[in-house]
Amino acid sequence: MPVVPAYGATENRYVELLASAARTASGTGSAVELKAAWTYLGVELIVTAAAAAVGDTLNVYLQQSIDDGTNWDDVASFTQVLGNGGVLAHIASILRAGGLSAGEMHQATDATLAAGTIRAQISARKFRIKWTIAGATPNFTFQVIAMPRTAP
């Protein structure tokens, strides 16, 4: 599992959470560990091809694990992508827990967080991407990148 350090406000270092590839079925990416020092995390879903029908769908989740990969919890659920949606990018901006706002309590969810939703805060260092693909002839090419930063 790759371990990635955090970067300062003036550095632009992207971390690939999921490599670009054409996908026709649901799946889960490998775990990536981010250094504990980061405060802000920008995550981008980049869809470069959606060669499918309007009824075909892609849902992509950023998940965290606090217990070293035993349990996974949805942090962000990107807006659902339709098969005829074409090229697009969705961005999630996430704040790491640290006393800057009230915390939250919830039961862990695994690919069930509503589309277009981001948790109030996250506290893990280990992340992965999970995706669900549905429809008659789905074919989506996409990747997910992140940029951990210590300042906005």
C-alpha atoms as a PDB file:
ATOM      1  CA  MET A   1       0.000   0.000   0.000  1.00  0.00           C
ATOM      2  CA  PRO A   2       1.459   3.385  -0.955  1.00  0.00           C
ATOM      3  CA  VAL A   3       2.030   5.923   1.818  1.00  0.00           C
ATOM      4  CA  VAL A   4       1.769   9.551   0.714  1.00  0.00           C
ATOM      5  CA  PRO A   5       2.944  12.631   2.670  1.00  0.00           C
ATOM      6  CA  ALA A   6       0.926  15.825   3.064  1.00  0.00           C
ATOM      7  CA  TYR A   7       1.993  18.981   1.234  1.00  0.00           C
ATOM      8  CA  GLY A   8       1.913  22.698   2.067  1.00  0.00           C
ATOM      9  CA  ALA A   9      -0.390  25.344   0.633  1.00  0.00           C
ATOM     10  CA  THR A  10       1.998  26.266  -2.183  1.00  0.00           C
ATOM     11  CA  GLU A  11       2.703  22.745  -3.402  1.00  0.00           C
ATOM     12  CA  ASN A  12       0.587  20.966  -6.010  1.00  0.00           C
ATOM     13  CA  ARG A  13       1.102  17.246  -5.474  1.00  0.00           C
ATOM     14  CA  TYR A  14      -1.590  14.927  -6.691  1.00  0.00           C
ATOM     15  CA  VAL A  15      -2.115  11.401  -5.428  1.00  0.00           C
ATOM     16  CA  GLU A  16      -3.721   8.853  -7.708  1.00  0.00           C
ATOM     17  CA  LEU A  17      -6.362   7.021  -5.693  1.00  0.00           C
ATOM     18  CA  LEU A  18      -7.622   5.100  -8.737  1.00  0.00           C
ATOM     19  CA  ALA A  19      -5.858   4.874 -12.098  1.00  0.00           C
ATOM     20  CA  SER A  20      -7.670   5.767 -15.307  1.00  0.00           C
ATOM     21  CA  ALA A  21      -9.227   2.726 -16.983  1.00  0.00           C
ATOM     22  CA  ALA A  22     -12.331   1.641 -18.862  1.00  0.00           C
ATOM     23  CA  ARG A  23     -14.650  -0.210 -16.494  1.00  0.00           C
ATOM     24  CA  THR A  24     -17.817  -2.192 -17.170  1.00  0.00           C
ATOM     25  CA  ALA A  25     -18.470  -3.696 -13.721  1.00  0.00           C
ATOM     26  CA  SER A  26     -18.482  -2.640 -10.078  1.00  0.00           C
ATOM     27  CA  GLY A  27     -15.216  -2.817  -8.129  1.00  0.00           C
ATOM     28  CA  THR A  28     -12.920  -1.566  -5.399  1.00  0.00           C
ATOM     29  CA  GLY A  29      -9.493   0.065  -5.673  1.00  0.00           C
ATOM     30  CA  SER A  30      -6.447  -0.578  -3.511  1.00  0.00           C
ATOM     31  CA  ALA A  31      -5.971   1.189  -0.186  1.00  0.00           C
ATOM     32  CA  VAL A  32      -3.811   4.331  -0.093  1.00  0.00           C
ATOM     33  CA  GLU A  33      -2.471   5.750   3.169  1.00  0.00           C
ATOM     34  CA  LEU A  34      -2.157   9.532   3.521  1.00  0.00           C
ATOM     35  CA  LYS A  35       0.162  11.106   6.097  1.00  0.00           C
ATOM     36  CA  ALA A  36      -1.656  12.192   9.265  1.00  0.00           C
ATOM     37  CA  ALA A  37      -0.517  15.840   9.005  1.00  0.00           C
ATOM     38  CA  TRP A  38      -2.923  16.913   6.245  1.00  0.00           C
ATOM     39  CA  THR A  39      -5.849  19.222   7.039  1.00  0.00           C
ATOM     40  CA  TYR A  40      -7.697  19.601   3.726  1.00  0.00           C
ATOM     41  CA  LEU A  41      -8.285  16.999   1.028  1.00  0.00           C
ATOM     42  CA  GLY A  42      -9.458  17.790  -2.479  1.00  0.00           C
ATOM     43  CA  VAL A  43     -10.664  14.711  -4.368  1.00  0.00           C
ATOM     44  CA  GLU A  44     -11.555  14.740  -8.053  1.00  0.00           C
ATOM     45  CA  LEU A  45     -13.498  12.165 -10.069  1.00  0.00           C
ATOM     46  CA  ILE A  46     -12.510  12.537 -13.722  1.00  0.00           C
ATOM     47  CA  VAL A  47     -14.702  10.782 -16.294  1.00  0.00           C
ATOM     48  CA  THR A  48     -13.054  10.789 -19.725  1.00  0.00           C
ATOM     49  CA  ALA A  49     -15.556   8.543 -21.506  1.00  0.00           C
ATOM     50  CA  ALA A  50     -19.111   7.431 -20.865  1.00  0.00           C
ATOM     51  CA  ALA A  51     -19.868   5.242 -23.890  1.00  0.00           C
ATOM     52  CA  ALA A  52     -23.091   3.831 -22.589  1.00  0.00           C
ATOM     53  CA  ALA A  53     -26.859   4.325 -22.658  1.00  0.00           C
ATOM     54  CA  VAL A  54     -28.753   6.909 -20.617  1.00  0.00           C
ATOM     55  CA  GLY A  55     -29.987   4.144 -18.269  1.00  0.00           C
ATOM     56  CA  ASP A  56     -26.449   3.047 -17.411  1.00  0.00           C
ATOM     57  CA  THR A  57     -25.058   4.541 -14.195  1.00  0.00           C
ATOM     58  CA  LEU A  58     -21.780   4.998 -12.336  1.00  0.00           C
ATOM     59  CA  ASN A  59     -21.587   5.748  -8.614  1.00  0.00           C
ATOM     60  CA  VAL A  60     -18.162   6.452  -7.079  1.00  0.00           C
ATOM     61  CA  TYR A  61     -17.379   6.519  -3.346  1.00  0.00           C
ATOM     62  CA  LEU A  62     -14.344   7.711  -1.392  1.00  0.00           C
ATOM     63  CA  GLN A  63     -14.055   5.433   1.635  1.00  0.00           C
ATOM     64  CA  GLN A  64     -11.974   5.563   4.823  1.00  0.00           C
ATOM     65  CA  SER A  65     -10.815   2.846   7.216  1.00  0.00           C
ATOM     66  CA  ILE A  66      -9.913   3.618  10.800  1.00  0.00           C
ATOM     67  CA  ASP A  67      -9.141  -0.027  11.667  1.00  0.00           C
ATOM     68  CA  ASP A  68      -6.508  -0.757   8.995  1.00  0.00           C
ATOM     69  CA  GLY A  69      -8.910  -2.036   6.341  1.00  0.00           C
ATOM     70  CA  THR A  70     -11.244  -4.313   8.305  1.00  0.00           C
ATOM     71  CA  ASN A  71     -14.209  -1.940   7.971  1.00  0.00           C
ATOM     72  CA  TRP A  72     -14.721   0.728   5.305  1.00  0.00           C
ATOM     73  CA  ASP A  73     -16.903   3.816   5.626  1.00  0.00           C
ATOM     74  CA  ASP A  74     -18.144   6.175   2.907  1.00  0.00           C
ATOM     75  CA  VAL A  75     -16.645   9.668   3.189  1.00  0.00           C
ATOM     76  CA  ALA A  76     -17.954  11.098  -0.068  1.00  0.00           C
ATOM     77  CA  SER A  77     -20.366   9.891  -2.718  1.00  0.00           C
ATOM     78  CA  PHE A  78     -19.906  11.744  -5.997  1.00  0.00           C
ATOM     79  CA  THR A  79     -22.885  12.837  -8.074  1.00  0.00           C
ATOM     80  CA  GLN A  80     -24.151   9.880 -10.113  1.00  0.00           C
ATOM     81  CA  VAL A  81     -22.808   9.723 -13.677  1.00  0.00           C
ATOM     82  CA  LEU A  82     -25.204   8.702 -16.458  1.00  0.00           C
ATOM     83  CA  GLY A  83     -24.164   6.600 -19.438  1.00  0.00           C
ATOM     84  CA  ASN A  84     -24.744   9.474 -21.860  1.00  0.00           C
ATOM     85  CA  GLY A  85     -23.122  12.031 -19.528  1.00  0.00           C
ATOM     86  CA  GLY A  86     -19.915  12.459 -21.533  1.00  0.00           C
ATOM     87  CA  VAL A  87     -16.667  13.894 -20.192  1.00  0.00           C
ATOM     88  CA  LEU A  88     -16.935  15.546 -16.767  1.00  0.00           C
ATOM     89  CA  ALA A  89     -15.223  16.159 -13.451  1.00  0.00           C
ATOM     90  CA  HIS A  90     -16.698  16.237  -9.943  1.00  0.00           C
ATOM     91  CA  ILE A  91     -14.747  17.646  -6.981  1.00  0.00           C
ATOM     92  CA  ALA A  92     -15.159  16.954  -3.258  1.00  0.00           C
ATOM     93  CA  SER A  93     -13.496  19.282  -0.726  1.00  0.00           C
ATOM     94  CA  ILE A  94     -13.059  17.608   2.639  1.00  0.00           C
ATOM     95  CA  LEU A  95     -11.876  18.881   6.040  1.00  0.00           C
ATOM     96  CA  ARG A  96     -10.043  16.518   8.376  1.00  0.00           C
ATOM     97  CA  ALA A  97     -11.399  16.266  11.923  1.00  0.00           C
ATOM     98  CA  GLY A  98      -9.436  18.337  14.374  1.00  0.00           C
ATOM     99  CA  GLY A  99     -11.601  20.507  16.567  1.00  0.00           C
ATOM    100  CA  LEU A 100     -12.439  23.103  13.898  1.00  0.00           C
ATOM    101  CA  SER A 101     -16.121  22.164  14.022  1.00  0.00           C
ATOM    102  CA  ALA A 102     -18.427  19.806  15.856  1.00  0.00           C
ATOM    103  CA  GLY A 103     -17.836  16.123  15.277  1.00  0.00           C
ATOM    104  CA  GLU A 104     -20.380  13.603  14.120  1.00  0.00           C
ATOM    105  CA  MET A 105     -21.409  10.049  14.887  1.00  0.00           C
ATOM    106  CA  HIS A 106     -22.777   7.614  12.330  1.00  0.00           C
ATOM    107  CA  GLN A 107     -22.929   3.938  11.519  1.00  0.00           C
ATOM    108  CA  ALA A 108     -20.339   2.924   8.926  1.00  0.00           C
ATOM    109  CA  THR A 109     -21.760   2.765   5.403  1.00  0.00           C
ATOM    110  CA  ASP A 110     -20.345   0.740   2.510  1.00  0.00           C
ATOM    111  CA  ALA A 111     -21.378   2.209  -0.857  1.00  0.00           C
ATOM    112  CA  THR A 112     -24.725   3.428   0.492  1.00  0.00           C
ATOM    113  CA  LEU A 113     -24.046   7.135   1.162  1.00  0.00           C
ATOM    114  CA  ALA A 114     -26.453   9.188  -0.958  1.00  0.00           C
ATOM    115  CA  ALA A 115     -25.055  10.526  -4.248  1.00  0.00           C
ATOM    116  CA  GLY A 116     -23.726  14.074  -3.970  1.00  0.00           C
ATOM    117  CA  THR A 117     -23.017  13.755  -0.227  1.00  0.00           C
ATOM    118  CA  ILE A 118     -19.864  14.456   1.826  1.00  0.00           C
ATOM    119  CA  ARG A 119     -19.446  13.569   5.517  1.00  0.00           C
ATOM    120  CA  ALA A 120     -18.920  16.553   7.823  1.00  0.00           C
ATOM    121  CA  GLN A 121     -15.434  15.374   8.823  1.00  0.00           C
ATOM    122  CA  ILE A 122     -13.107  12.420   8.403  1.00  0.00           C
ATOM    123  CA  SER A 123     -10.481  11.042  10.730  1.00  0.00           C
ATOM    124  CA  ALA A 124      -8.773   8.094   9.019  1.00  0.00           C
ATOM    125  CA  ARG A 125      -5.474   7.952   7.128  1.00  0.00           C
ATOM    126  CA  LYS A 126      -6.327   4.982   4.905  1.00  0.00           C
ATOM    127  CA  PHE A 127      -8.565   5.542   1.862  1.00  0.00           C
ATOM    128  CA  ARG A 128      -9.843   3.661  -1.167  1.00  0.00           C
ATOM    129  CA  ILE A 129     -12.242   4.173  -4.054  1.00  0.00           C
ATOM    130  CA  LYS A 130     -15.267   1.946  -4.555  1.00  0.00           C
ATOM    131  CA  TRP A 131     -17.593   2.130  -7.537  1.00  0.00           C
ATOM    132  CA  THR A 132     -20.869   0.581  -8.620  1.00  0.00           C
ATOM    133  CA  ILE A 133     -21.801   0.288 -12.275  1.00  0.00           C
ATOM    134  CA  ALA A 134     -25.297  -0.686 -13.417  1.00  0.00           C
ATOM    135  CA  GLY A 135     -27.249  -0.910 -16.649  1.00  0.00           C
ATOM    136  CA  ALA A 136     -27.534  -2.960 -19.828  1.00  0.00           C
ATOM    137  CA  THR A 137     -24.252  -2.015 -21.578  1.00  0.00           C
ATOM    138  CA  PRO A 138     -22.246   0.208 -19.199  1.00  0.00           C
ATOM    139  CA  ASN A 139     -18.748   1.363 -20.115  1.00  0.00           C
ATOM    140  CA  PHE A 140     -17.126   4.211 -18.184  1.00  0.00           C
ATOM    141  CA  THR A 141     -13.520   5.408 -18.296  1.00  0.00           C
ATOM    142  CA  PHE A 142     -12.599   7.288 -15.123  1.00  0.00           C
ATOM    143  CA  GLN A 143      -9.939   7.964 -12.510  1.00  0.00           C
ATOM    144  CA  VAL A 144      -9.828   9.547  -9.059  1.00  0.00           C
ATOM    145  CA  ILE A 145      -7.055  11.823  -7.814  1.00  0.00           C
ATOM    146  CA  ALA A 146      -6.563  13.608  -4.487  1.00  0.00           C
ATOM    147  CA  MET A 147      -4.522  16.518  -3.197  1.00  0.00           C
ATOM    148  CA  PRO A 148      -3.797  16.471   0.550  1.00  0.00           C
ATOM    149  CA  ARG A 149      -2.818  19.901   1.894  1.00  0.00           C
ATOM    150  CA  THR A 150      -1.946  21.407   5.236  1.00  0.00           C
ATOM    151  CA  ALA A 151      -3.494  24.795   4.382  1.00  0.00           C
ATOM    152  CA  PRO A 152      -6.434  25.881   2.194  1.00  0.00           C
END
